[in-house]
Amino acid sequence: GHEDTVWNLCCSPQGEKIVSCDNSGMILLWRVIPEEDKNLKLDLLSRNKCPNDAPIYSIDWSSDGRLIAIGSSDNSLTLLSLDADDKLQQVVVRKQAHEGD
């Protein structure tokens, strides 16, 4: 799992995957696996470093599940897509996309 403070996590619209982000700039992608006893298990699919190497404070899926948006401490906004191997690929980075603390 994460080795630093986790700031946010979000379920995919279909409910089958979760992304989480932390203070070190890591994004983890998890598969949600239902078990027979109605509990859920998380299987780590991939570890991805934030493209700009900054702590990530927010993360969310697009409503169609094709993109993941992250907001990082350097005020940039990054859009990522998920490839067939469950790796995140950078689509867009907008530096200084938001202001404030």
PDB file of N, CA and C in Angstrom:
ATOM      1  N   GLY A   1       0.808  -1.185   0.000  1.00  0.00           N
ATOM      2  CA  GLY A   1       0.000   0.000   0.000  1.00  0.00           C
ATOM      3  C   GLY A   1       0.856   1.256   0.000  1.00  0.00           C
ATOM      4  N   HIS A   2       0.296   2.283   0.547  1.00  0.00           N
ATOM      5  CA  HIS A   2       0.970   3.584   0.620  1.00  0.00           C
ATOM      6  C   HIS A   2       2.009   3.594   1.730  1.00  0.00           C
ATOM      7  N   GLU A   3       3.045   4.398   1.534  1.00  0.00           N
ATOM      8  CA  GLU A   3       4.088   4.557   2.538  1.00  0.00           C
ATOM      9  C   GLU A   3       4.074   5.952   3.138  1.00  0.00           C
ATOM     10  N   ASP A   4       3.093   6.770   2.774  1.00  0.00           N
ATOM     11  CA  ASP A   4       2.961   8.133   3.278  1.00  0.00           C
ATOM     12  C   ASP A   4       1.488   8.406   3.541  1.00  0.00           C
ATOM     13  N   THR A   5       1.175   9.581   4.051  1.00  0.00           N
ATOM     14  CA  THR A   5      -0.193   9.954   4.388  1.00  0.00           C
ATOM     15  C   THR A   5      -1.086   9.910   3.147  1.00  0.00           C
ATOM     16  N   VAL A   6      -2.190   9.178   3.245  1.00  0.00           N
ATOM     17  CA  VAL A   6      -3.167   9.109   2.168  1.00  0.00           C
ATOM     18  C   VAL A   6      -4.118  10.287   2.322  1.00  0.00           C
ATOM     19  N   TRP A   7      -4.241  11.084   1.253  1.00  0.00           N
ATOM     20  CA  TRP A   7      -5.081  12.279   1.300  1.00  0.00           C
ATOM     21  C   TRP A   7      -6.473  12.044   0.736  1.00  0.00           C
ATOM     22  N   ASN A   8      -6.600  11.123  -0.202  1.00  0.00           N
ATOM     23  CA  ASN A   8      -7.898  10.952  -0.835  1.00  0.00           C
ATOM     24  C   ASN A   8      -7.961   9.603  -1.532  1.00  0.00           C
ATOM     25  N   LEU A   9      -9.186   9.124  -1.755  1.00  0.00           N
ATOM     26  CA  LEU A   9      -9.423   7.932  -2.562  1.00  0.00           C
ATOM     27  C   LEU A   9     -10.794   8.045  -3.183  1.00  0.00           C
ATOM     28  N   CYS A  10     -10.993   7.288  -4.256  1.00  0.00           N
ATOM     29  CA  CYS A  10     -12.252   7.392  -4.988  1.00  0.00           C
ATOM     30  C   CYS A  10     -12.537   6.081  -5.720  1.00  0.00           C
ATOM     31  N   CYS A  11     -13.810   5.693  -5.714  1.00  0.00           N
ATOM     32  CA  CYS A  11     -14.261   4.506  -6.457  1.00  0.00           C
ATOM     33  C   CYS A  11     -14.565   4.865  -7.903  1.00  0.00           C
ATOM     34  N   SER A  12     -14.269   3.947  -8.804  1.00  0.00           N
ATOM     35  CA  SER A  12     -14.648   4.131 -10.209  1.00  0.00           C
ATOM     36  C   SER A  12     -16.175   4.132 -10.299  1.00  0.00           C
ATOM     37  N   PRO A  13     -16.727   4.730 -11.345  1.00  0.00           N
ATOM     38  CA  PRO A  13     -18.192   4.760 -11.483  1.00  0.00           C
ATOM     39  C   PRO A  13     -18.829   3.368 -11.494  1.00  0.00           C
ATOM     40  N   GLN A  14     -18.107   2.374 -12.005  1.00  0.00           N
ATOM     41  CA  GLN A  14     -18.632   1.005 -12.045  1.00  0.00           C
ATOM     42  C   GLN A  14     -18.441   0.281 -10.705  1.00  0.00           C
ATOM     43  N   GLY A  15     -17.643   0.870  -9.810  1.00  0.00           N
ATOM     44  CA  GLY A  15     -17.426   0.289  -8.490  1.00  0.00           C
ATOM     45  C   GLY A  15     -16.428  -0.850  -8.456  1.00  0.00           C
ATOM     46  N   GLU A  16     -15.711  -1.089  -9.552  1.00  0.00           N
ATOM     47  CA  GLU A  16     -14.798  -2.229  -9.587  1.00  0.00           C
ATOM     48  C   GLU A  16     -13.341  -1.863  -9.301  1.00  0.00           C
ATOM     49  N   LYS A  17     -13.023  -0.551  -9.295  1.00  0.00           N
ATOM     50  CA  LYS A  17     -11.655  -0.106  -9.022  1.00  0.00           C
ATOM     51  C   LYS A  17     -11.676   1.097  -8.089  1.00  0.00           C
ATOM     52  N   ILE A  18     -10.571   1.280  -7.385  1.00  0.00           N
ATOM     53  CA  ILE A  18     -10.376   2.424  -6.496  1.00  0.00           C
ATOM     54  C   ILE A  18      -9.019   3.019  -6.807  1.00  0.00           C
ATOM     55  N   VAL A  19      -8.928   4.343  -6.824  1.00  0.00           N
ATOM     56  CA  VAL A  19      -7.638   5.026  -6.895  1.00  0.00           C
ATOM     57  C   VAL A  19      -7.441   5.760  -5.574  1.00  0.00           C
ATOM     58  N   SER A  20      -6.196   5.787  -5.115  1.00  0.00           N
ATOM     59  CA  SER A  20      -5.860   6.503  -3.889  1.00  0.00           C
ATOM     60  C   SER A  20      -4.580   7.293  -4.142  1.00  0.00           C
ATOM     61  N   CYS A  21      -4.410   8.382  -3.394  1.00  0.00           N
ATOM     62  CA  CYS A  21      -3.245   9.242  -3.591  1.00  0.00           C
ATOM     63  C   CYS A  21      -2.663   9.634  -2.239  1.00  0.00           C
ATOM     64  N   ASP A  22      -1.369   9.981  -2.258  1.00  0.00           N
ATOM     65  CA  ASP A  22      -0.731  10.294  -0.987  1.00  0.00           C
ATOM     66  C   ASP A  22       0.215  11.490  -1.060  1.00  0.00           C
ATOM     67  N   ASN A  23       0.805  11.775   0.078  1.00  0.00           N
ATOM     68  CA  ASN A  23       1.677  12.935   0.249  1.00  0.00           C
ATOM     69  C   ASN A  23       2.982  12.819  -0.525  1.00  0.00           C
ATOM     70  N   SER A  24       3.392  11.613  -0.885  1.00  0.00           N
ATOM     71  CA  SER A  24       4.644  11.432  -1.628  1.00  0.00           C
ATOM     72  C   SER A  24       4.432  11.553  -3.139  1.00  0.00           C
ATOM     73  N   GLY A  25       3.177  11.758  -3.571  1.00  0.00           N
ATOM     74  CA  GLY A  25       2.879  11.864  -4.992  1.00  0.00           C
ATOM     75  C   GLY A  25       2.580  10.528  -5.650  1.00  0.00           C
ATOM     76  N   MET A  26       2.328   9.496  -4.852  1.00  0.00           N
ATOM     77  CA  MET A  26       2.004   8.185  -5.407  1.00  0.00           C
ATOM     78  C   MET A  26       0.499   8.049  -5.612  1.00  0.00           C
ATOM     79  N   ILE A  27       0.154   7.408  -6.726  1.00  0.00           N
ATOM     80  CA  ILE A  27      -1.236   7.073  -7.042  1.00  0.00           C
ATOM     81  C   ILE A  27      -1.293   5.552  -7.122  1.00  0.00           C
ATOM     82  N   LEU A  28      -2.137   4.952  -6.305  1.00  0.00           N
ATOM     83  CA  LEU A  28      -2.291   3.499  -6.328  1.00  0.00           C
ATOM     84  C   LEU A  28      -3.645   3.155  -6.917  1.00  0.00           C
ATOM     85  N   LEU A  29      -3.649   2.155  -7.782  1.00  0.00           N
ATOM     86  CA  LEU A  29      -4.867   1.663  -8.407  1.00  0.00           C
ATOM     87  C   LEU A  29      -5.164   0.285  -7.840  1.00  0.00           C
ATOM     88  N   TRP A  30      -6.379   0.115  -7.357  1.00  0.00           N
ATOM     89  CA  TRP A  30      -6.796  -1.124  -6.699  1.00  0.00           C
ATOM     90  C   TRP A  30      -7.990  -1.723  -7.424  1.00  0.00           C
ATOM     91  N   ARG A  31      -8.072  -3.040  -7.459  1.00  0.00           N
ATOM     92  CA  ARG A  31      -9.257  -3.747  -7.946  1.00  0.00           C
ATOM     93  C   ARG A  31     -10.059  -4.180  -6.720  1.00  0.00           C
ATOM     94  N   VAL A  32     -11.368  -3.963  -6.778  1.00  0.00           N
ATOM     95  CA  VAL A  32     -12.262  -4.385  -5.697  1.00  0.00           C
ATOM     96  C   VAL A  32     -12.764  -5.783  -6.041  1.00  0.00           C
ATOM     97  N   ILE A  33     -12.511  -6.728  -5.148  1.00  0.00           N
ATOM     98  CA  ILE A  33     -12.893  -8.122  -5.396  1.00  0.00           C
ATOM     99  C   ILE A  33     -13.911  -8.560  -4.345  1.00  0.00           C
ATOM    100  N   PRO A  34     -15.157  -8.838  -4.772  1.00  0.00           N
ATOM    101  CA  PRO A  34     -16.145  -9.355  -3.826  1.00  0.00           C
ATOM    102  C   PRO A  34     -15.767 -10.784  -3.409  1.00  0.00           C
ATOM    103  N   GLU A  35     -15.925 -11.073  -2.133  1.00  0.00           N
ATOM    104  CA  GLU A  35     -15.657 -12.420  -1.639  1.00  0.00           C
ATOM    105  C   GLU A  35     -16.973 -13.101  -1.280  1.00  0.00           C
ATOM    106  N   GLU A  36     -16.926 -14.407  -1.109  1.00  0.00           N
ATOM    107  CA  GLU A  36     -18.133 -15.190  -0.870  1.00  0.00           C
ATOM    108  C   GLU A  36     -18.884 -14.759   0.384  1.00  0.00           C
ATOM    109  N   ASP A  37     -18.170 -14.285   1.403  1.00  0.00           N
ATOM    110  CA  ASP A  37     -18.824 -13.898   2.649  1.00  0.00           C
ATOM    111  C   ASP A  37     -19.328 -12.456   2.628  1.00  0.00           C
ATOM    112  N   LYS A  38     -19.447 -11.883   1.443  1.00  0.00           N
ATOM    113  CA  LYS A  38     -19.947 -10.527   1.186  1.00  0.00           C
ATOM    114  C   LYS A  38     -18.979  -9.438   1.645  1.00  0.00           C
ATOM    115  N   ASN A  39     -17.771  -9.820   2.021  1.00  0.00           N
ATOM    116  CA  ASN A  39     -16.731  -8.833   2.289  1.00  0.00           C
ATOM    117  C   ASN A  39     -16.067  -8.467   0.968  1.00  0.00           C
ATOM    118  N   LEU A  40     -15.270  -7.418   1.001  1.00  0.00           N
ATOM    119  CA  LEU A  40     -14.539  -6.994  -0.182  1.00  0.00           C
ATOM    120  C   LEU A  40     -13.049  -7.075   0.078  1.00  0.00           C
ATOM    121  N   LYS A  41     -12.310  -7.442  -0.942  1.00  0.00           N
ATOM    122  CA  LYS A  41     -10.853  -7.510  -0.877  1.00  0.00           C
ATOM    123  C   LYS A  41     -10.311  -6.509  -1.888  1.00  0.00           C
ATOM    124  N   LEU A  42      -9.198  -5.846  -1.548  1.00  0.00           N
ATOM    125  CA  LEU A  42      -8.538  -4.934  -2.479  1.00  0.00           C
ATOM    126  C   LEU A  42      -7.263  -5.573  -2.989  1.00  0.00           C
ATOM    127  N   ASP A  43      -7.112  -5.597  -4.310  1.00  0.00           N
ATOM    128  CA  ASP A  43      -5.933  -6.144  -4.971  1.00  0.00           C
ATOM    129  C   ASP A  43      -5.196  -4.989  -5.643  1.00  0.00           C
ATOM    130  N   LEU A  44      -3.934  -4.761  -5.268  1.00  0.00           N
ATOM    131  CA  LEU A  44      -3.162  -3.668  -5.845  1.00  0.00           C
ATOM    132  C   LEU A  44      -2.815  -3.988  -7.298  1.00  0.00           C
ATOM    133  N   LEU A  45      -3.256  -3.119  -8.223  1.00  0.00           N
ATOM    134  CA  LEU A  45      -3.001  -3.317  -9.645  1.00  0.00           C
ATOM    135  C   LEU A  45      -1.755  -2.586 -10.109  1.00  0.00           C
ATOM    136  N   SER A  46      -1.568  -1.348  -9.653  1.00  0.00           N
ATOM    137  CA  SER A  46      -0.397  -0.590 -10.098  1.00  0.00           C
ATOM    138  C   SER A  46      -0.084   0.554  -9.139  1.00  0.00           C
ATOM    139  N   ARG A  47       1.196   0.923  -9.150  1.00  0.00           N
ATOM    140  CA  ARG A  47       1.701   2.087  -8.415  1.00  0.00           C
ATOM    141  C   ARG A  47       2.193   3.073  -9.466  1.00  0.00           C
ATOM    142  N   ASN A  48       1.764   4.308  -9.362  1.00  0.00           N
ATOM    143  CA  ASN A  48       2.092   5.327 -10.358  1.00  0.00           C
ATOM    144  C   ASN A  48       2.550   6.588  -9.640  1.00  0.00           C
ATOM    145  N   LYS A  49       3.618   7.182 -10.112  1.00  0.00           N
ATOM    146  CA  LYS A  49       4.121   8.423  -9.540  1.00  0.00           C
ATOM    147  C   LYS A  49       3.471   9.603 -10.242  1.00  0.00           C
ATOM    148  N   CYS A  50       3.097  10.619  -9.472  1.00  0.00           N
ATOM    149  CA  CYS A  50       2.532  11.846 -10.038  1.00  0.00           C
ATOM    150  C   CYS A  50       3.523  12.416 -11.045  1.00  0.00           C
ATOM    151  N   PRO A  51       3.066  12.796 -12.233  1.00  0.00           N
ATOM    152  CA  PRO A  51       3.975  13.292 -13.265  1.00  0.00           C
ATOM    153  C   PRO A  51       4.830  14.479 -12.830  1.00  0.00           C
ATOM    154  N   ASN A  52       4.302  15.330 -11.957  1.00  0.00           N
ATOM    155  CA  ASN A  52       5.072  16.495 -11.522  1.00  0.00           C
ATOM    156  C   ASN A  52       5.719  16.291 -10.155  1.00  0.00           C
ATOM    157  N   ASP A  53       5.671  15.066  -9.631  1.00  0.00           N
ATOM    158  CA  ASP A  53       6.373  14.685  -8.406  1.00  0.00           C
ATOM    159  C   ASP A  53       5.970  15.508  -7.185  1.00  0.00           C
ATOM    160  N   ALA A  54       4.707  15.895  -7.101  1.00  0.00           N
ATOM    161  CA  ALA A  54       4.212  16.699  -5.984  1.00  0.00           C
ATOM    162  C   ALA A  54       3.199  15.894  -5.173  1.00  0.00           C
ATOM    163  N   PRO A  55       3.029  16.229  -3.896  1.00  0.00           N
ATOM    164  CA  PRO A  55       1.965  15.594  -3.113  1.00  0.00           C
ATOM    165  C   PRO A  55       0.605  15.799  -3.789  1.00  0.00           C
ATOM    166  N   ILE A  56      -0.232  14.785  -3.757  1.00  0.00           N
ATOM    167  CA  ILE A  56      -1.552  14.838  -4.386  1.00  0.00           C
ATOM    168  C   ILE A  56      -2.602  14.905  -3.282  1.00  0.00           C
ATOM    169  N   TYR A  57      -3.422  15.944  -3.347  1.00  0.00           N
ATOM    170  CA  TYR A  57      -4.441  16.145  -2.320  1.00  0.00           C
ATOM    171  C   TYR A  57      -5.833  15.702  -2.748  1.00  0.00           C
ATOM    172  N   SER A  58      -6.087  15.638  -4.048  1.00  0.00           N
ATOM    173  CA  SER A  58      -7.418  15.230  -4.485  1.00  0.00           C
ATOM    174  C   SER A  58      -7.315  14.374  -5.745  1.00  0.00           C
ATOM    175  N   ILE A  59      -8.280  13.467  -5.859  1.00  0.00           N
ATOM    176  CA  ILE A  59      -8.317  12.549  -6.999  1.00  0.00           C
ATOM    177  C   ILE A  59      -9.765  12.156  -7.239  1.00  0.00           C
ATOM    178  N   ASP A  60     -10.148  12.023  -8.507  1.00  0.00           N
ATOM    179  CA  ASP A  60     -11.521  11.636  -8.814  1.00  0.00           C
ATOM    180  C   ASP A  60     -11.595  11.050 -10.226  1.00  0.00           C
ATOM    181  N   TRP A  61     -12.556  10.167 -10.434  1.00  0.00           N
ATOM    182  CA  TRP A  61     -12.814   9.562 -11.743  1.00  0.00           C
ATOM    183  C   TRP A  61     -13.781  10.433 -12.525  1.00  0.00           C
ATOM    184  N   SER A  62     -13.681  10.420 -13.835  1.00  0.00           N
ATOM    185  CA  SER A  62     -14.717  11.016 -14.678  1.00  0.00           C
ATOM    186  C   SER A  62     -15.943  10.114 -14.604  1.00  0.00           C
ATOM    187  N   SER A  63     -17.098  10.660 -14.938  1.00  0.00           N
ATOM    188  CA  SER A  63     -18.344   9.885 -14.814  1.00  0.00           C
ATOM    189  C   SER A  63     -18.375   8.664 -15.728  1.00  0.00           C
ATOM    190  N   ASP A  64     -17.609   8.692 -16.826  1.00  0.00           N
ATOM    191  CA  ASP A  64     -17.579   7.530 -17.722  1.00  0.00           C
ATOM    192  C   ASP A  64     -16.461   6.547 -17.368  1.00  0.00           C
ATOM    193  N   GLY A  65     -15.652   6.876 -16.347  1.00  0.00           N
ATOM    194  CA  GLY A  65     -14.598   5.973 -15.886  1.00  0.00           C
ATOM    195  C   GLY A  65     -13.360   5.942 -16.755  1.00  0.00           C
ATOM    196  N   ARG A  66     -13.263   6.819 -17.756  1.00  0.00           N
ATOM    197  CA  ARG A  66     -12.130   6.784 -18.686  1.00  0.00           C
ATOM    198  C   ARG A  66     -10.953   7.646 -18.237  1.00  0.00           C
ATOM    199  N   LEU A  67     -11.227   8.683 -17.436  1.00  0.00           N
ATOM    200  CA  LEU A  67     -10.177   9.601 -16.997  1.00  0.00           C
ATOM    201  C   LEU A  67     -10.157   9.719 -15.484  1.00  0.00           C
ATOM    202  N   ILE A  68      -8.977  10.058 -14.979  1.00  0.00           N
ATOM    203  CA  ILE A  68      -8.800  10.331 -13.557  1.00  0.00           C
ATOM    204  C   ILE A  68      -8.171  11.715 -13.458  1.00  0.00           C
ATOM    205  N   ALA A  69      -8.760  12.578 -12.638  1.00  0.00           N
ATOM    206  CA  ALA A  69      -8.234  13.925 -12.433  1.00  0.00           C
ATOM    207  C   ALA A  69      -7.546  13.981 -11.075  1.00  0.00           C
ATOM    208  N   ILE A  70      -6.357  14.596 -11.046  1.00  0.00           N
ATOM    209  CA  ILE A  70      -5.662  14.774  -9.771  1.00  0.00           C
ATOM    210  C   ILE A  70      -5.305  16.248  -9.593  1.00  0.00           C
ATOM    211  N   GLY A  71      -5.418  16.690  -8.354  1.00  0.00           N
ATOM    212  CA  GLY A  71      -5.000  18.039  -7.984  1.00  0.00           C
ATOM    213  C   GLY A  71      -3.855  17.909  -7.002  1.00  0.00           C
ATOM    214  N   SER A  72      -2.743  18.555  -7.300  1.00  0.00           N
ATOM    215  CA  SER A  72      -1.559  18.398  -6.467  1.00  0.00           C
ATOM    216  C   SER A  72      -1.165  19.695  -5.774  1.00  0.00           C
ATOM    217  N   SER A  73      -0.248  19.585  -4.831  1.00  0.00           N
ATOM    218  CA  SER A  73       0.125  20.700  -3.971  1.00  0.00           C
ATOM    219  C   SER A  73       0.802  21.840  -4.714  1.00  0.00           C
ATOM    220  N   ASP A  74       1.294  21.601  -5.920  1.00  0.00           N
ATOM    221  CA  ASP A  74       1.918  22.675  -6.698  1.00  0.00           C
ATOM    222  C   ASP A  74       0.894  23.425  -7.545  1.00  0.00           C
ATOM    223  N   ASN A  75      -0.392  23.243  -7.214  1.00  0.00           N
ATOM    224  CA  ASN A  75      -1.521  23.915  -7.869  1.00  0.00           C
ATOM    225  C   ASN A  75      -1.756  23.455  -9.300  1.00  0.00           C
ATOM    226  N   SER A  76      -1.246  22.294  -9.682  1.00  0.00           N
ATOM    227  CA  SER A  76      -1.509  21.816 -11.029  1.00  0.00           C
ATOM    228  C   SER A  76      -2.643  20.791 -11.035  1.00  0.00           C
ATOM    229  N   LEU A  77      -3.262  20.700 -12.177  1.00  0.00           N
ATOM    230  CA  LEU A  77      -4.330  19.748 -12.429  1.00  0.00           C
ATOM    231  C   LEU A  77      -3.839  18.812 -13.523  1.00  0.00           C
ATOM    232  N   THR A  78      -3.949  17.514 -13.283  1.00  0.00           N
ATOM    233  CA  THR A  78      -3.484  16.526 -14.250  1.00  0.00           C
ATOM    234  C   THR A  78      -4.618  15.564 -14.569  1.00  0.00           C
ATOM    235  N   LEU A  79      -4.809  15.276 -15.850  1.00  0.00           N
ATOM    236  CA  LEU A  79      -5.754  14.258 -16.280  1.00  0.00           C
ATOM    237  C   LEU A  79      -4.970  13.040 -16.725  1.00  0.00           C
ATOM    238  N   LEU A  80      -5.397  11.884 -16.256  1.00  0.00           N
ATOM    239  CA  LEU A  80      -4.745  10.616 -16.575  1.00  0.00           C
ATOM    240  C   LEU A  80      -5.765   9.683 -17.204  1.00  0.00           C
ATOM    241  N   SER A  81      -5.305   8.832 -18.103  1.00  0.00           N
ATOM    242  CA  SER A  81      -6.166   7.778 -18.641  1.00  0.00           C
ATOM    243  C   SER A  81      -5.616   6.440 -18.176  1.00  0.00           C
ATOM    244  N   LEU A  82      -6.465   5.453 -18.192  1.00  0.00           N
ATOM    245  CA  LEU A  82      -6.100   4.111 -17.747  1.00  0.00           C
ATOM    246  C   LEU A  82      -5.934   3.226 -18.963  1.00  0.00           C
ATOM    247  N   ASP A  83      -4.717   2.635 -19.139  1.00  0.00           N
ATOM    248  CA  ASP A  83      -4.510   1.786 -20.311  1.00  0.00           C
ATOM    249  C   ASP A  83      -4.967   0.352 -20.039  1.00  0.00           C
ATOM    250  N   ALA A  84      -4.843  -0.505 -21.021  1.00  0.00           N
ATOM    251  CA  ALA A  84      -5.321  -1.889 -20.918  1.00  0.00           C
ATOM    252  C   ALA A  84      -4.582  -2.693 -19.854  1.00  0.00           C
ATOM    253  N   ASP A  85      -3.357  -2.259 -19.493  1.00  0.00           N
ATOM    254  CA  ASP A  85      -2.573  -2.959 -18.467  1.00  0.00           C
ATOM    255  C   ASP A  85      -2.731  -2.328 -17.094  1.00  0.00           C
ATOM    256  N   ASP A  86      -3.759  -1.499 -16.922  1.00  0.00           N
ATOM    257  CA  ASP A  86      -4.028  -0.808 -15.660  1.00  0.00           C
ATOM    258  C   ASP A  86      -2.905   0.132 -15.232  1.00  0.00           C
ATOM    259  N   LYS A  87      -2.226   0.706 -16.198  1.00  0.00           N
ATOM    260  CA  LYS A  87      -1.228   1.749 -15.934  1.00  0.00           C
ATOM    261  C   LYS A  87      -1.854   3.087 -16.266  1.00  0.00           C
ATOM    262  N   LEU A  88      -1.519   4.098 -15.487  1.00  0.00           N
ATOM    263  CA  LEU A  88      -2.042   5.429 -15.735  1.00  0.00           C
ATOM    264  C   LEU A  88      -1.127   6.176 -16.689  1.00  0.00           C
ATOM    265  N   GLN A  89      -1.722   6.797 -17.694  1.00  0.00           N
ATOM    266  CA  GLN A  89      -0.990   7.560 -18.699  1.00  0.00           C
ATOM    267  C   GLN A  89      -1.417   9.017 -18.629  1.00  0.00           C
ATOM    268  N   GLN A  90      -0.451   9.918 -18.627  1.00  0.00           N
ATOM    269  CA  GLN A  90      -0.748  11.342 -18.575  1.00  0.00           C
ATOM    270  C   GLN A  90      -1.404  11.789 -19.869  1.00  0.00           C
ATOM    271  N   VAL A  91      -2.500  12.534 -19.757  1.00  0.00           N
ATOM    272  CA  VAL A  91      -3.202  13.074 -20.906  1.00  0.00           C
ATOM    273  C   VAL A  91      -2.966  14.585 -20.989  1.00  0.00           C
ATOM    274  N   VAL A  92      -3.188  15.292 -19.882  1.00  0.00           N
ATOM    275  CA  VAL A  92      -3.072  16.750 -19.831  1.00  0.00           C
ATOM    276  C   VAL A  92      -2.515  17.154 -18.474  1.00  0.00           C
ATOM    277  N   VAL A  93      -1.626  18.165 -18.485  1.00  0.00           N
ATOM    278  CA  VAL A  93      -1.186  18.801 -17.231  1.00  0.00           C
ATOM    279  C   VAL A  93      -1.402  20.283 -17.397  1.00  0.00           C
ATOM    280  N   ARG A  94      -2.046  20.887 -16.434  1.00  0.00           N
ATOM    281  CA  ARG A  94      -2.251  22.330 -16.430  1.00  0.00           C
ATOM    282  C   ARG A  94      -1.631  22.891 -15.175  1.00  0.00           C
ATOM    283  N   LYS A  95      -0.497  23.542 -15.312  1.00  0.00           N
ATOM    284  CA  LYS A  95       0.191  24.123 -14.163  1.00  0.00           C
ATOM    285  C   LYS A  95      -0.538  25.380 -13.727  1.00  0.00           C
ATOM    286  N   GLN A  96      -0.483  25.642 -12.428  1.00  0.00           N
ATOM    287  CA  GLN A  96      -1.166  26.779 -11.815  1.00  0.00           C
ATOM    288  C   GLN A  96      -2.657  26.805 -12.179  1.00  0.00           C
ATOM    289  N   ALA A  97      -3.263  25.637 -12.173  1.00  0.00           N
ATOM    290  CA  ALA A  97      -4.673  25.520 -12.535  1.00  0.00           C
ATOM    291  C   ALA A  97      -5.599  26.003 -11.425  1.00  0.00           C
ATOM    292  N   HIS A  98      -5.111  25.983 -10.203  1.00  0.00           N
ATOM    293  CA  HIS A  98      -5.937  26.464  -9.095  1.00  0.00           C
ATOM    294  C   HIS A  98      -5.060  27.231  -8.121  1.00  0.00           C
ATOM    295  N   GLU A  99      -5.688  28.090  -7.336  1.00  0.00           N
ATOM    296  CA  GLU A  99      -4.957  28.914  -6.397  1.00  0.00           C
ATOM    297  C   GLU A  99      -5.453  28.635  -4.987  1.00  0.00           C
ATOM    298  N   GLY A 100      -4.677  29.067  -4.018  1.00  0.00           N
ATOM    299  CA  GLY A 100      -5.080  28.938  -2.627  1.00  0.00           C
ATOM    300  C   GLY A 100      -4.331  27.848  -1.923  1.00  0.00           C
ATOM    301  N   ASP A 101      -4.670  27.685  -0.661  1.00  0.00           N
ATOM    302  CA  ASP A 101      -4.001  26.695   0.188  1.00  0.00           C
ATOM    303  C   ASP A 101      -4.656  25.345   0.089  1.00  0.00           C
TER     304      ASP A 101
END
